[in-house]
Structure formats: C-alpha cells, structure tokens
C-alpha cells in the first residue's frame, strides 16, 4: 500500500509507505459526482468511462512504483469474472504517464485479460482525487460515487469490500441480457 506524495504534471508519481489508518486517506466520498474522463487503453484507442454501456463502473487505481499493487491481480481476475454478468464495467487504471512502464508492468504481472488504462494527462488522478494506491472506486454510470476503499484486496472476491458494495446495490444490479 502506498500513499501518493506530491504530483506535478511533469513528474511521475513518487510513492512512500502509508503509516496510518486506511480510513484516514483523503479522497472522494459516497454521493459525490465525478466527471468521467476518456483515457488511453494499453490495447488500443481510448476508453470513455462515461460511455461504457454498463450501469456501474468499478475502477482500481495502481502505480507501477507500487510493489503491492501487483498482488491484487488474482483478485482482479476473480472479481472481473464474478461481476461479468452484472451491469458493471471494470478497469485497472495506472496513474503513471509512461505507457512503456505500464505495458512492462502489465506484461510482467500477466494482466493479459484485464482492461488496463493509463493517465498521461492526469485526468482521472485529479477527477477521482487519487492520493493512494491501490484504490478502488465504485460509481454509477453518471459518475456518482457509491463507494471507495483503499488497500490490497488479496482474498476471495465474494468476501471483499468490492463485492459487499456491489451486493448492497440489490435490485439495481441486474444481470445483463
């Protein structure tokens, strides 16, 4: 787990270990609205997070400089499988500006079947007020925050904060047709 220190447009993220409670980390609150940006995808083109075609959006923010971030990869794959029949779009968003670093990181940790975006213009970092990675944000398709949590989620997705938030949506979370 890493706290993102001071960021500038011309610098890469610098990270240092966080020494407090995960609840102490500043960021978005439930009910806030976020302007959903378009971000470059590693595979090709851009992804407009406001036009995913799903009712909900789950983003996990990582950094290539965060060794712990890669530990969540099995969880992400299991989570993506768990939510695949729901109206939830899932993206891994690297806070790094350097596409080459993100590609190397994704390749090294076998993010093969995960949708990985990166943020060279810092649009998502600023819109989502990312100060810590890994950080998870669950939103409605219009950009209203339903939940945010920090830290590594290395366990069964059915027992995770993410799935608790998703299951808490009840009837609003319906299978795709």
Protein backbone atom coordinates (compact mmCIF):
# COMPACT_ATOMS: atom_id res chain seq x y z
CA UNK A 1 0.00 0.00 0.00
CA UNK A 2 1.40 3.35 -0.95
CA UNK A 3 0.48 6.96 -0.40
CA UNK A 4 0.94 9.07 -3.49
CA UNK A 5 3.03 12.06 -2.47
CA UNK A 6 3.20 15.36 -4.39
CA UNK A 7 2.34 15.03 -8.07
CA UNK A 8 3.07 17.52 -10.83
CA UNK A 9 2.18 17.29 -14.49
CA UNK A 10 5.82 16.82 -15.47
CA UNK A 11 6.77 14.28 -12.82
CA UNK A 12 5.98 10.62 -12.40
CA UNK A 13 4.30 9.59 -9.20
CA UNK A 14 6.51 9.24 -6.20
CA UNK A 15 5.30 6.91 -3.52
CA UNK A 16 6.07 6.19 0.09
CA UNK A 17 4.59 3.70 2.52
CA UNK A 18 1.46 4.85 4.30
CA UNK A 19 1.74 4.73 8.08
CA UNK A 20 -1.83 5.49 9.18
CA UNK A 21 -5.27 4.01 9.02
CA UNK A 22 -6.68 3.41 5.54
CA UNK A 23 -9.77 5.38 6.59
CA UNK A 24 -7.55 8.46 7.12
CA UNK A 25 -6.71 8.75 3.44
CA UNK A 26 -8.36 11.74 1.75
CA UNK A 27 -10.38 11.22 -1.40
CA UNK A 28 -13.88 11.02 -2.78
CA UNK A 29 -16.89 10.45 -0.54
CA UNK A 30 -20.01 8.42 -1.22
CA UNK A 31 -22.56 10.51 -3.12
CA UNK A 32 -20.03 12.85 -4.76
CA UNK A 33 -20.11 13.17 -8.54
CA UNK A 34 -17.07 12.72 -10.75
CA UNK A 35 -16.59 13.88 -14.33
CA UNK A 36 -15.64 10.62 -16.04
CA UNK A 37 -12.70 11.11 -18.43
CA UNK A 38 -11.52 9.42 -21.63
CA UNK A 39 -8.29 7.53 -21.03
CA UNK A 40 -5.86 5.73 -23.34
CA UNK A 41 -6.03 1.93 -23.21
CA UNK A 42 -2.97 -0.27 -23.43
CA UNK A 43 -4.55 -2.41 -26.14
CA UNK A 44 -5.52 0.46 -28.42
CA UNK A 45 -7.55 3.62 -28.61
CA UNK A 46 -9.29 5.39 -25.78
CA UNK A 47 -11.98 4.37 -23.34
CA UNK A 48 -14.62 6.94 -22.42
CA UNK A 49 -15.51 5.97 -18.86
CA UNK A 50 -18.84 7.82 -19.21
CA UNK A 51 -19.85 5.58 -22.14
CA UNK A 52 -19.07 2.01 -21.04
CA UNK A 53 -22.58 0.77 -21.77
CA UNK A 54 -22.89 -0.53 -18.20
CA UNK A 55 -24.90 0.79 -15.25
CA UNK A 56 -21.92 0.78 -12.88
CA UNK A 57 -18.19 1.34 -13.07
CA UNK A 58 -15.53 -0.18 -10.81
CA UNK A 59 -12.05 1.35 -11.17
CA UNK A 60 -8.91 0.21 -9.40
CA UNK A 61 -6.05 2.72 -9.43
CA UNK A 62 -2.50 1.38 -9.34
CA UNK A 63 1.07 2.57 -9.89
CA UNK A 64 3.99 0.74 -11.45
CA UNK A 65 6.02 2.00 -8.48
CA UNK A 66 3.71 0.23 -6.01
CA UNK A 67 5.04 -3.29 -5.47
CA UNK A 68 1.91 -4.25 -3.54
CA UNK A 69 -0.40 -3.27 -6.41
CA UNK A 70 0.56 -6.34 -8.43
CA UNK A 71 -0.52 -8.60 -5.55
CA UNK A 72 -4.17 -7.81 -6.30
CA UNK A 73 -4.01 -9.23 -9.85
CA UNK A 74 -5.56 -12.65 -8.95
CA UNK A 75 -8.27 -10.81 -7.05
CA UNK A 76 -8.99 -8.54 -10.04
CA UNK A 77 -9.37 -11.52 -12.36
CA UNK A 78 -11.70 -13.28 -9.91
CA UNK A 79 -13.64 -10.06 -9.33
CA UNK A 80 -14.00 -9.43 -13.04
CA UNK A 81 -15.33 -12.97 -13.52
CA UNK A 82 -17.74 -12.53 -10.60
CA UNK A 83 -19.20 -9.30 -11.99
CA UNK A 84 -19.11 -10.26 -15.67
CA UNK A 85 -22.85 -10.96 -15.87
CA UNK A 86 -23.74 -7.80 -13.97
CA UNK A 87 -24.02 -4.28 -15.37
CA UNK A 88 -20.54 -3.38 -14.06
CA UNK A 89 -17.62 -2.18 -16.19
CA UNK A 90 -14.21 -2.92 -14.61
CA UNK A 91 -10.94 -1.11 -15.35
CA UNK A 92 -7.44 -1.12 -13.92
CA UNK A 93 -6.13 2.45 -14.22
CA UNK A 94 -2.40 3.08 -13.89
CA UNK A 95 -1.62 6.53 -12.51
CA UNK A 96 1.65 6.52 -14.47
CA UNK A 97 2.11 8.77 -17.51
CA UNK A 98 4.65 6.48 -19.23
CA UNK A 99 2.85 3.95 -21.44
CA UNK A 100 6.01 1.83 -21.73
CA UNK A 101 6.28 1.44 -17.95
CA UNK A 102 2.61 0.50 -17.72
CA UNK A 103 2.94 -2.04 -20.56
CA UNK A 104 6.02 -3.61 -18.93
CA UNK A 105 4.26 -3.78 -15.55
CA UNK A 106 1.10 -5.28 -17.06
CA UNK A 107 3.15 -7.84 -19.01
CA UNK A 108 5.37 -8.76 -16.04
CA UNK A 109 2.34 -9.43 -13.82
CA UNK A 110 0.27 -11.06 -16.58
CA UNK A 111 -2.60 -8.57 -16.69
CA UNK A 112 -3.36 -10.18 -20.08
CA UNK A 113 -7.14 -10.34 -19.83
CA UNK A 114 -7.66 -7.21 -17.75
CA UNK A 115 -8.65 -3.86 -19.28
CA UNK A 116 -5.72 -1.57 -18.38
CA UNK A 117 -5.87 2.19 -18.91
CA UNK A 118 -3.25 4.82 -18.12
CA UNK A 119 -3.45 8.51 -17.31
CA UNK A 120 -0.75 10.60 -19.04
CA UNK A 121 -2.74 13.84 -18.70
CA UNK A 122 -3.69 13.19 -15.03
CA UNK A 123 -7.41 13.49 -15.82
CA UNK A 124 -8.51 10.55 -13.68
CA UNK A 125 -6.00 11.27 -10.91
CA UNK A 126 -7.45 14.75 -10.50
CA UNK A 127 -11.12 13.87 -11.07
CA UNK A 128 -11.00 10.93 -8.64
CA UNK A 129 -8.62 12.74 -6.23
CA UNK A 130 -6.27 9.77 -6.08
CA UNK A 131 -3.75 10.09 -3.25
CA UNK A 132 -3.22 6.41 -2.50
CA UNK A 133 -2.81 3.20 -4.49
CA UNK A 134 -4.24 0.67 -4.78
CA UNK A 135 -7.56 2.49 -4.52
CA UNK A 136 -10.95 1.19 -5.62
CA UNK A 137 -13.86 3.42 -6.64
CA UNK A 138 -17.36 2.15 -7.43
CA UNK A 139 -19.62 4.55 -9.36
CA UNK A 140 -22.94 4.75 -11.11
CA UNK A 141 -22.68 5.29 -14.87
CA UNK A 142 -23.38 9.00 -14.40
CA UNK A 143 -20.31 9.31 -12.16
CA UNK A 144 -21.89 9.33 -8.67
CA UNK A 145 -19.61 7.61 -6.15
CA UNK A 146 -21.16 4.60 -4.42
CA UNK A 147 -18.05 3.56 -2.52
CA UNK A 148 -14.30 3.99 -2.22
CA UNK A 149 -11.77 1.85 -0.40
CA UNK A 150 -8.02 1.56 -0.22
CA UNK A 151 -5.52 -1.21 0.11
CA UNK A 152 -4.73 -4.64 -1.16
CA UNK A 153 -7.70 -7.00 -1.58
CA UNK A 154 -5.88 -10.35 -1.78
CA UNK A 155 -8.73 -12.57 -0.82
CA UNK A 156 -11.87 -14.21 -2.13
CA UNK A 157 -13.85 -11.59 -4.09
CA UNK A 158 -17.06 -12.88 -2.52
CA UNK A 159 -15.73 -11.69 0.87
CA UNK A 160 -14.29 -8.40 -0.36
CA UNK A 161 -15.35 -4.81 0.22
CA UNK A 162 -15.94 -4.57 -3.54
CA UNK A 163 -18.44 -7.40 -3.62
CA UNK A 164 -20.09 -6.18 -0.42
CA UNK A 165 -20.68 -2.81 -2.10
CA UNK A 166 -21.91 -4.46 -5.30
CA UNK A 167 -24.26 -6.86 -3.48
CA UNK A 168 -25.53 -3.93 -1.42
CA UNK A 169 -26.92 -2.45 -4.62
CA UNK A 170 -29.51 -5.25 -4.66
CA UNK A 171 -32.12 -4.89 -7.38
CA UNK A 172 -30.23 -2.02 -9.01
CA UNK A 173 -27.53 -4.51 -10.01
CA UNK A 174 -29.18 -6.70 -12.61
CA UNK A 175 -27.72 -9.32 -14.93
CA UNK A 176 -27.08 -8.23 -18.50
CA UNK A 177 -29.41 -9.58 -21.16
